[in-house]
C-alpha cells in the first residue's frame, strides 16, 4: 500500500523543519564563536588598555630608554607628580619603542616594575589584540553567517586600528 498524500507532506514538512532547525543552530553557533572571539580580544586588550587609558590616580611619569633586549626595553622612571617615587629601572614592551634615549610618557602597572605607554600611541597599541579579534571575527561572520557587509565592516575597523597603531608608534 502506497503512502497517502497527507503522510508524504507530513514527512516532507518534518524534514524541512529539521533542516531549518539545523540552519538556526548553525547560525547560533557561528554567532557565538564570533562573539567569543570579540570578547576574548577585549579581555586581552583591557589588561594593558586600562593602565594606558585610565591614568587618573595611577603613578605616571617619563621613561628614558637606556637598553633593549629581545622582548623589553628598560630605563629609569621619573615620576610626574612631586609625591611620586622615581625608580632606577622599569621595563616596557619593546614594540612601543625602538630608539635608545627616547623619552616616553608612561604609567606604572600597580605592584610591578612594568610600565605602559600612555597617550594616543599607547592607547592604540593596547587595543591591538582587539584589532586582531575583529579581523578573525570578520572571517567567521563572512564564512559562517554569510553576512558579508557586516564582515567587511569588522575587517575595516580592525585594519584601521592596526594602521592607526602602526603610524602612531
N, C-alpha and C. Protein backbone atom coordinates (compact mmCIF):
# COMPACT_ATOMS: atom_id res chain seq x y z
N UNK A 1 0.84 -1.17 0.00
CA UNK A 1 0.00 0.00 0.00
C UNK A 1 0.89 1.25 0.00
N UNK A 2 0.64 2.15 -0.91
CA UNK A 2 1.44 3.37 -1.05
C UNK A 2 1.02 4.38 0.00
N UNK A 3 2.01 5.20 0.45
CA UNK A 3 1.67 6.22 1.45
C UNK A 3 0.72 7.25 0.85
N UNK A 4 -0.16 7.73 1.67
CA UNK A 4 -1.11 8.73 1.20
C UNK A 4 -0.43 10.08 1.10
N UNK A 5 -1.14 11.00 0.45
CA UNK A 5 -0.59 12.33 0.23
C UNK A 5 -0.33 13.04 1.56
N UNK A 6 -1.19 12.87 2.52
CA UNK A 6 -1.02 13.55 3.81
C UNK A 6 0.20 13.02 4.55
N UNK A 7 0.49 11.72 4.44
CA UNK A 7 1.67 11.17 5.10
C UNK A 7 2.95 11.68 4.43
N UNK A 8 2.93 11.79 3.09
CA UNK A 8 4.11 12.30 2.39
C UNK A 8 4.35 13.76 2.72
N UNK A 9 3.33 14.58 2.79
CA UNK A 9 3.52 16.00 3.09
C UNK A 9 3.97 16.20 4.54
N UNK A 10 3.49 15.31 5.44
CA UNK A 10 3.94 15.39 6.83
C UNK A 10 5.44 15.08 6.92
N UNK A 11 5.87 14.05 6.22
CA UNK A 11 7.29 13.68 6.22
C UNK A 11 8.13 14.79 5.61
N UNK A 12 7.62 15.42 4.57
CA UNK A 12 8.35 16.50 3.94
C UNK A 12 8.44 17.70 4.86
N UNK A 13 7.34 18.07 5.50
CA UNK A 13 7.36 19.20 6.43
C UNK A 13 8.29 18.92 7.60
N UNK A 14 8.30 17.69 8.09
CA UNK A 14 9.18 17.32 9.19
C UNK A 14 10.63 17.45 8.76
N UNK A 15 10.95 17.00 7.57
CA UNK A 15 12.32 17.12 7.05
C UNK A 15 12.71 18.57 6.86
N UNK A 16 11.80 19.40 6.36
CA UNK A 16 12.09 20.81 6.16
C UNK A 16 12.28 21.52 7.49
N UNK A 17 11.46 21.21 8.47
CA UNK A 17 11.61 21.88 9.75
C UNK A 17 12.88 21.42 10.47
N UNK A 18 13.28 20.17 10.27
CA UNK A 18 14.53 19.69 10.86
C UNK A 18 15.71 20.40 10.21
N UNK A 19 15.67 20.56 8.90
CA UNK A 19 16.72 21.27 8.19
C UNK A 19 16.76 22.73 8.65
N UNK A 20 15.61 23.33 8.80
CA UNK A 20 15.55 24.71 9.29
C UNK A 20 16.12 24.83 10.69
N UNK A 21 15.82 23.86 11.52
CA UNK A 21 16.35 23.85 12.88
C UNK A 21 17.87 23.73 12.87
N UNK A 22 18.40 22.91 11.98
CA UNK A 22 19.85 22.78 11.85
C UNK A 22 20.49 24.09 11.38
N UNK A 23 19.83 24.78 10.46
CA UNK A 23 20.35 26.06 10.00
C UNK A 23 20.36 27.10 11.11
N UNK A 24 19.29 27.15 11.88
CA UNK A 24 19.24 28.08 13.00
C UNK A 24 20.33 27.73 14.02
N UNK A 25 20.53 26.45 14.26
CA UNK A 25 21.58 26.03 15.18
C UNK A 25 22.96 26.41 14.69
N UNK A 26 23.20 26.25 13.40
CA UNK A 26 24.49 26.62 12.80
C UNK A 26 24.74 28.12 12.96
N UNK A 27 23.72 28.92 12.69
CA UNK A 27 23.85 30.37 12.82
C UNK A 27 24.09 30.76 14.28
N UNK A 28 23.43 30.10 15.19
CA UNK A 28 23.64 30.40 16.61
C UNK A 28 25.06 30.06 17.05
N UNK A 29 25.57 28.93 16.59
CA UNK A 29 26.94 28.54 16.94
C UNK A 29 27.95 29.52 16.35
N UNK A 30 27.77 29.89 15.09
CA UNK A 30 28.71 30.82 14.44
C UNK A 30 28.66 32.20 15.10
N UNK A 31 27.46 32.65 15.45
CA UNK A 31 27.35 33.93 16.16
C UNK A 31 28.03 33.84 17.51
N UNK A 32 27.89 32.72 18.19
CA UNK A 32 28.56 32.53 19.47
C UNK A 32 30.07 32.52 19.34
N UNK A 33 30.58 31.89 18.29
CA UNK A 33 32.02 31.86 18.06
C UNK A 33 32.53 33.28 17.78
N UNK A 34 31.84 34.02 16.93
CA UNK A 34 32.25 35.39 16.62
C UNK A 34 32.23 36.26 17.88
N UNK A 35 31.20 36.11 18.68
CA UNK A 35 31.10 36.87 19.92
C UNK A 35 32.21 36.47 20.89
N UNK A 36 32.50 35.20 20.98
CA UNK A 36 33.58 34.72 21.86
C UNK A 36 34.93 35.29 21.43
N UNK A 37 35.18 35.34 20.13
CA UNK A 37 36.44 35.90 19.63
C UNK A 37 36.54 37.38 19.98
N UNK A 38 35.45 38.12 19.81
CA UNK A 38 35.47 39.55 20.13
C UNK A 38 35.65 39.79 21.62
N UNK A 39 34.96 39.02 22.44
CA UNK A 39 35.09 39.17 23.91
C UNK A 39 36.52 38.83 24.35
N UNK A 40 37.11 37.79 23.75
CA UNK A 40 38.48 37.44 24.09
C UNK A 40 39.45 38.55 23.70
N UNK A 41 39.21 39.21 22.58
CA UNK A 41 40.06 40.33 22.17
C UNK A 41 39.96 41.51 23.12
N UNK A 42 38.74 41.82 23.55
CA UNK A 42 38.56 42.92 24.51
C UNK A 42 39.20 42.54 25.85
N UNK A 43 38.99 41.32 26.29
CA UNK A 43 39.55 40.86 27.57
C UNK A 43 41.08 40.96 27.56
N UNK A 44 41.69 40.52 26.48
CA UNK A 44 43.15 40.56 26.37
C UNK A 44 43.65 42.00 26.30
N UNK A 45 42.98 42.84 25.56
CA UNK A 45 43.40 44.23 25.41
C UNK A 45 43.23 45.02 26.70
N UNK A 46 42.19 44.72 27.44
CA UNK A 46 41.87 45.51 28.63
C UNK A 46 42.97 45.44 29.68
N UNK A 47 43.74 44.36 29.73
CA UNK A 47 44.82 44.22 30.70
C UNK A 47 45.81 45.37 30.58
N UNK A 48 46.12 45.79 29.37
CA UNK A 48 47.04 46.90 29.16
C UNK A 48 46.29 48.21 28.98
N UNK A 49 45.16 48.17 28.31
CA UNK A 49 44.42 49.40 27.99
C UNK A 49 43.96 50.15 29.23
N UNK A 50 43.60 49.45 30.28
CA UNK A 50 43.13 50.14 31.48
C UNK A 50 44.22 51.03 32.06
N UNK A 51 45.46 50.60 31.98
CA UNK A 51 46.56 51.41 32.51
C UNK A 51 46.92 52.56 31.58
N UNK A 52 46.75 52.36 30.28
CA UNK A 52 47.06 53.41 29.30
C UNK A 52 45.96 54.47 29.23
N UNK A 53 44.71 54.05 29.40
CA UNK A 53 43.59 54.98 29.24
C UNK A 53 43.18 55.65 30.55
N UNK A 54 43.09 54.89 31.61
CA UNK A 54 42.60 55.41 32.88
C UNK A 54 43.78 55.74 33.79
N UNK A 55 44.47 56.83 33.48
CA UNK A 55 45.70 57.16 34.21
C UNK A 55 45.47 57.96 35.47
N UNK A 56 44.27 58.46 35.67
CA UNK A 56 44.00 59.26 36.87
C UNK A 56 44.14 58.36 38.11
N UNK A 57 44.95 58.81 39.05
CA UNK A 57 45.17 58.05 40.27
C UNK A 57 46.30 57.03 40.15
N UNK A 58 46.86 56.88 38.98
CA UNK A 58 47.98 55.96 38.78
C UNK A 58 49.29 56.74 38.84
N UNK A 59 50.35 56.00 39.08
CA UNK A 59 51.68 56.61 39.09
C UNK A 59 52.10 56.84 37.64
N UNK A 60 52.27 58.12 37.28
CA UNK A 60 52.64 58.48 35.91
C UNK A 60 53.98 59.18 35.91
N UNK A 61 54.61 59.16 34.76
CA UNK A 61 55.89 59.82 34.64
C UNK A 61 56.51 59.62 33.28
N UNK A 62 57.84 59.72 33.25
CA UNK A 62 58.57 59.62 32.00
C UNK A 62 59.62 58.52 32.10
N UNK A 63 59.72 57.74 31.06
CA UNK A 63 60.72 56.68 30.96
C UNK A 63 61.71 57.08 29.89
N UNK A 64 63.00 57.00 30.21
CA UNK A 64 64.05 57.22 29.23
C UNK A 64 64.66 55.86 28.90
N UNK A 65 64.61 55.47 27.65
CA UNK A 65 65.08 54.16 27.24
C UNK A 65 66.61 54.14 27.28
N UNK A 66 67.16 53.18 28.03
CA UNK A 66 68.62 53.02 28.10
C UNK A 66 69.11 51.81 27.33
N UNK A 67 68.43 50.68 27.49
CA UNK A 67 68.85 49.48 26.76
C UNK A 67 67.65 48.61 26.44
N UNK A 68 67.82 47.82 25.39
CA UNK A 68 66.75 46.93 24.94
C UNK A 68 67.32 45.53 24.72
N UNK A 69 66.52 44.53 25.04
CA UNK A 69 66.87 43.16 24.69
C UNK A 69 65.81 42.65 23.71
N UNK A 70 65.65 41.36 23.60
CA UNK A 70 64.75 40.79 22.60
C UNK A 70 63.28 41.16 22.82
N UNK A 71 62.84 41.25 24.09
CA UNK A 71 61.42 41.46 24.38
C UNK A 71 61.08 42.82 24.96
N UNK A 72 61.99 43.38 25.76
CA UNK A 72 61.65 44.58 26.52
C UNK A 72 62.79 45.59 26.49
N UNK A 73 62.42 46.81 26.78
CA UNK A 73 63.40 47.88 26.94
C UNK A 73 63.31 48.37 28.38
N UNK A 74 64.42 48.81 28.93
CA UNK A 74 64.45 49.27 30.31
C UNK A 74 65.11 50.64 30.38
N UNK A 75 64.86 51.29 31.49
CA UNK A 75 65.45 52.59 31.75
C UNK A 75 64.89 53.18 33.02
N UNK A 76 65.41 54.36 33.41
CA UNK A 76 64.92 55.00 34.65
C UNK A 76 63.56 55.65 34.45
N UNK A 77 62.80 55.65 35.53
CA UNK A 77 61.46 56.25 35.54
C UNK A 77 61.51 57.48 36.44
N UNK A 78 61.04 58.61 35.92
CA UNK A 78 60.96 59.85 36.68
C UNK A 78 59.48 60.18 36.84
N UNK A 79 59.01 60.21 38.08
CA UNK A 79 57.60 60.45 38.36
C UNK A 79 57.21 61.88 37.98
N UNK A 80 55.99 62.04 37.48
CA UNK A 80 55.48 63.35 37.08
C UNK A 80 55.05 64.16 38.29
N UNK A 81 54.46 63.51 39.28
CA UNK A 81 54.00 64.21 40.48
C UNK A 81 55.14 64.30 41.49
N UNK A 82 55.22 65.40 42.23
CA UNK A 82 56.29 65.53 43.22
C UNK A 82 56.22 64.45 44.31
N UNK A 83 55.04 63.95 44.58
CA UNK A 83 54.89 62.94 45.63
C UNK A 83 55.24 61.54 45.12
N UNK A 84 55.37 61.37 43.82
CA UNK A 84 55.67 60.06 43.23
C UNK A 84 57.12 59.68 43.44
N UNK A 85 57.37 58.40 43.43
CA UNK A 85 58.73 57.90 43.64
C UNK A 85 59.40 57.59 42.30
N UNK A 86 60.62 58.09 42.14
CA UNK A 86 61.40 57.74 40.96
C UNK A 86 61.90 56.31 41.12
N UNK A 87 62.08 55.63 40.01
CA UNK A 87 62.56 54.25 40.04
C UNK A 87 63.80 54.16 39.16
N UNK A 88 64.79 53.43 39.62
CA UNK A 88 66.03 53.34 38.83
C UNK A 88 65.87 52.56 37.53
N UNK A 89 64.95 51.58 37.51
CA UNK A 89 64.77 50.80 36.29
C UNK A 89 63.36 50.22 36.23
N UNK A 90 62.70 50.48 35.11
CA UNK A 90 61.40 49.88 34.82
C UNK A 90 61.48 49.29 33.41
N UNK A 91 60.54 48.40 33.10
CA UNK A 91 60.54 47.73 31.80
C UNK A 91 59.29 48.08 31.02
N UNK A 92 59.44 48.13 29.71
CA UNK A 92 58.33 48.38 28.79
C UNK A 92 58.51 47.44 27.59
N UNK A 93 57.39 47.09 26.96
CA UNK A 93 57.42 46.22 25.78
C UNK A 93 58.24 46.88 24.68
N UNK A 94 59.09 46.11 24.03
CA UNK A 94 59.98 46.65 23.00
C UNK A 94 59.21 47.17 21.79
N UNK A 95 58.03 46.68 21.55
CA UNK A 95 57.26 47.08 20.37
C UNK A 95 56.85 48.55 20.39
N UNK A 96 56.81 49.18 21.55
CA UNK A 96 56.36 50.57 21.62
C UNK A 96 57.49 51.57 21.45
N UNK A 97 58.71 51.11 21.34
CA UNK A 97 59.85 51.99 21.16
C UNK A 97 60.92 51.30 20.35
N UNK A 98 61.77 52.10 19.75
CA UNK A 98 62.86 51.49 19.00
C UNK A 98 64.16 52.27 19.11
N UNK A 99 64.16 53.35 19.83
CA UNK A 99 65.35 54.18 19.91
C UNK A 99 65.88 54.28 21.33
N UNK A 100 67.15 54.12 21.45
CA UNK A 100 67.80 54.35 22.74
C UNK A 100 67.82 55.85 23.00
N UNK A 101 67.52 56.26 24.22
CA UNK A 101 67.47 57.67 24.56
C UNK A 101 66.10 58.29 24.39
N UNK A 102 65.16 57.55 23.83
CA UNK A 102 63.80 58.06 23.64
C UNK A 102 63.11 58.24 24.99
N UNK A 103 62.36 59.32 25.11
CA UNK A 103 61.60 59.59 26.34
C UNK A 103 60.13 59.37 26.05
N UNK A 104 59.49 58.55 26.90
CA UNK A 104 58.09 58.19 26.71
C UNK A 104 57.28 58.55 27.94
N UNK A 105 56.05 59.04 27.71
CA UNK A 105 55.10 59.23 28.80
C UNK A 105 54.51 57.87 29.13
N UNK A 106 54.60 57.46 30.39
CA UNK A 106 54.18 56.12 30.79
C UNK A 106 53.39 56.16 32.09
N UNK A 107 52.72 55.05 32.37
CA UNK A 107 52.04 54.82 33.65
C UNK A 107 52.52 53.48 34.17
N UNK A 108 52.72 53.40 35.48
CA UNK A 108 53.23 52.18 36.10
C UNK A 108 52.06 51.26 36.41
N UNK A 109 52.22 49.96 36.05
CA UNK A 109 51.23 48.96 36.44
C UNK A 109 51.38 48.76 37.95
N UNK A 110 50.30 48.87 38.71
CA UNK A 110 50.39 48.77 40.16
C UNK A 110 51.02 47.45 40.62
N UNK A 111 51.95 47.57 41.56
CA UNK A 111 52.59 46.39 42.15
C UNK A 111 53.69 45.77 41.32
N UNK A 112 54.08 46.43 40.23
CA UNK A 112 55.13 45.87 39.37
C UNK A 112 56.13 46.96 39.00
N UNK A 113 57.17 46.55 38.30
CA UNK A 113 58.12 47.49 37.71
C UNK A 113 57.91 47.58 36.21
N UNK A 114 56.72 47.26 35.77
CA UNK A 114 56.36 47.37 34.36
C UNK A 114 55.60 48.65 34.13
N UNK A 115 55.83 49.26 32.97
CA UNK A 115 55.11 50.47 32.61
C UNK A 115 54.44 50.26 31.26
N UNK A 116 53.41 51.04 31.00
CA UNK A 116 52.74 51.04 29.70
C UNK A 116 52.74 52.46 29.17
N UNK A 117 52.85 52.57 27.88
CA UNK A 117 52.86 53.87 27.25
C UNK A 117 51.48 54.49 27.33
N UNK A 118 51.41 55.78 27.59
CA UNK A 118 50.14 56.49 27.65
C UNK A 118 50.02 57.37 26.41
N UNK A 119 48.93 58.11 26.33
CA UNK A 119 48.71 58.96 25.17
C UNK A 119 48.08 58.16 24.04
N UNK A 120 47.85 58.82 22.91
CA UNK A 120 47.20 58.15 21.79
C UNK A 120 47.94 56.90 21.30
N UNK A 121 49.25 56.97 21.22
CA UNK A 121 50.02 55.81 20.75
C UNK A 121 49.89 54.63 21.71
N UNK A 122 49.94 54.90 22.99
CA UNK A 122 49.82 53.83 23.98
C UNK A 122 48.44 53.21 24.00
N UNK A 123 47.42 54.04 23.85
CA UNK A 123 46.04 53.53 23.85
C UNK A 123 45.81 52.67 22.60
N UNK A 124 46.26 53.14 21.45
CA UNK A 124 46.10 52.35 20.23
C UNK A 124 46.86 51.03 20.33
N UNK A 125 48.08 51.07 20.85
CA UNK A 125 48.86 49.84 20.98
C UNK A 125 48.19 48.85 21.93
N UNK A 126 47.56 49.35 22.97
CA UNK A 126 46.88 48.48 23.93
C UNK A 126 45.72 47.72 23.29
N UNK A 127 45.10 48.30 22.28
CA UNK A 127 43.94 47.68 21.65
C UNK A 127 44.30 46.83 20.43
N UNK A 128 45.57 46.55 20.19
CA UNK A 128 45.98 45.71 19.06
C UNK A 128 45.38 44.30 19.14
N UNK A 129 45.34 43.63 20.29
CA UNK A 129 44.70 42.31 20.32
C UNK A 129 43.22 42.36 19.91
N UNK A 130 42.54 43.43 20.25
CA UNK A 130 41.15 43.58 19.84
C UNK A 130 41.06 43.76 18.32
N UNK A 131 42.01 44.47 17.73
CA UNK A 131 42.03 44.62 16.27
C UNK A 131 42.17 43.25 15.61
N UNK A 132 43.03 42.40 16.16
CA UNK A 132 43.17 41.05 15.63
C UNK A 132 41.90 40.25 15.76
N UNK A 133 41.21 40.41 16.88
CA UNK A 133 39.96 39.68 17.06
C UNK A 133 38.87 40.20 16.11
N UNK A 134 38.90 41.48 15.77
CA UNK A 134 37.97 42.00 14.77
C UNK A 134 38.20 41.33 13.41
N UNK A 135 39.47 41.18 13.05
CA UNK A 135 39.79 40.54 11.77
C UNK A 135 39.36 39.07 11.77
N UNK A 136 39.62 38.37 12.85
CA UNK A 136 39.23 36.97 12.94
C UNK A 136 37.71 36.81 12.96
N UNK A 137 37.03 37.68 13.69
CA UNK A 137 35.56 37.62 13.72
C UNK A 137 34.97 37.93 12.35
N UNK A 138 35.63 38.77 11.58
CA UNK A 138 35.14 39.08 10.23
C UNK A 138 35.12 37.83 9.36
N UNK A 139 36.14 36.99 9.52
CA UNK A 139 36.18 35.74 8.75
C UNK A 139 35.03 34.82 9.17
N UNK A 140 34.78 34.73 10.47
CA UNK A 140 33.70 33.88 10.98
C UNK A 140 32.34 34.42 10.52
N UNK A 141 32.16 35.72 10.58
CA UNK A 141 30.88 36.32 10.18
C UNK A 141 30.65 36.15 8.69
N UNK A 142 31.69 36.31 7.88
CA UNK A 142 31.53 36.16 6.43
C UNK A 142 31.31 34.71 6.04
N UNK A 143 32.11 33.82 6.59
CA UNK A 143 32.02 32.42 6.20
C UNK A 143 30.89 31.66 6.86
N UNK A 144 30.70 31.85 8.15
CA UNK A 144 29.72 31.07 8.88
C UNK A 144 28.33 31.65 8.88
N UNK A 145 28.23 32.97 8.89
CA UNK A 145 26.91 33.62 8.94
C UNK A 145 26.47 34.19 7.61
N UNK A 146 27.39 34.25 6.65
CA UNK A 146 27.09 34.78 5.32
C UNK A 146 26.61 36.23 5.38
N UNK A 147 27.17 36.99 6.32
CA UNK A 147 26.84 38.40 6.47
C UNK A 147 28.04 39.21 5.97
N UNK A 148 28.12 39.37 4.68
CA UNK A 148 29.32 39.93 4.06
C UNK A 148 29.54 41.41 4.40
N UNK A 149 28.50 42.21 4.42
CA UNK A 149 28.68 43.64 4.72
C UNK A 149 29.14 43.84 6.16
N UNK A 150 28.56 43.09 7.08
CA UNK A 150 28.97 43.17 8.47
C UNK A 150 30.42 42.71 8.61
N UNK A 151 30.79 41.67 7.89
CA UNK A 151 32.16 41.17 7.93
C UNK A 151 33.14 42.23 7.40
N UNK A 152 32.77 42.89 6.31
CA UNK A 152 33.62 43.94 5.78
C UNK A 152 33.78 45.08 6.78
N UNK A 153 32.71 45.44 7.46
CA UNK A 153 32.79 46.50 8.46
C UNK A 153 33.73 46.10 9.61
N UNK A 154 33.61 44.87 10.09
CA UNK A 154 34.51 44.39 11.15
C UNK A 154 35.96 44.39 10.67
N UNK A 155 36.19 43.90 9.47
CA UNK A 155 37.55 43.83 8.93
C UNK A 155 38.14 45.23 8.75
N UNK A 156 37.37 46.15 8.23
CA UNK A 156 37.88 47.51 8.03
C UNK A 156 38.17 48.20 9.36
N UNK A 157 37.35 47.96 10.37
CA UNK A 157 37.65 48.51 11.70
C UNK A 157 38.96 47.94 12.25
N UNK A 158 39.15 46.64 12.09
CA UNK A 158 40.38 46.01 12.56
C UNK A 158 41.60 46.55 11.84
N UNK A 159 41.51 46.68 10.52
CA UNK A 159 42.64 47.21 9.73
C UNK A 159 42.90 48.67 10.10
N UNK A 160 41.86 49.46 10.28
CA UNK A 160 42.03 50.87 10.66
C UNK A 160 42.73 50.98 12.01
N UNK A 161 42.36 50.14 12.96
CA UNK A 161 43.01 50.16 14.27
C UNK A 161 44.47 49.75 14.17
N UNK A 162 44.76 48.73 13.39
CA UNK A 162 46.15 48.30 13.21
C UNK A 162 46.98 49.37 12.49
N UNK A 163 46.42 49.98 11.46
CA UNK A 163 47.16 51.03 10.73
C UNK A 163 47.36 52.27 11.60
N UNK A 164 46.33 52.62 12.36
CA UNK A 164 46.48 53.76 13.28
C UNK A 164 47.57 53.53 14.31
N UNK A 165 47.65 52.31 14.81
CA UNK A 165 48.70 51.97 15.77
C UNK A 165 50.07 52.02 15.12
N UNK A 166 50.17 51.49 13.92
CA UNK A 166 51.44 51.48 13.20
C UNK A 166 51.96 52.91 13.00
N UNK A 167 51.08 53.81 12.57
CA UNK A 167 51.52 55.18 12.31
C UNK A 167 51.71 55.98 13.59
N UNK A 168 51.00 55.64 14.66
CA UNK A 168 51.17 56.37 15.93
C UNK A 168 52.47 56.00 16.62
N UNK A 169 52.89 54.76 16.46
CA UNK A 169 54.14 54.34 17.10
C UNK A 169 55.32 54.73 16.23
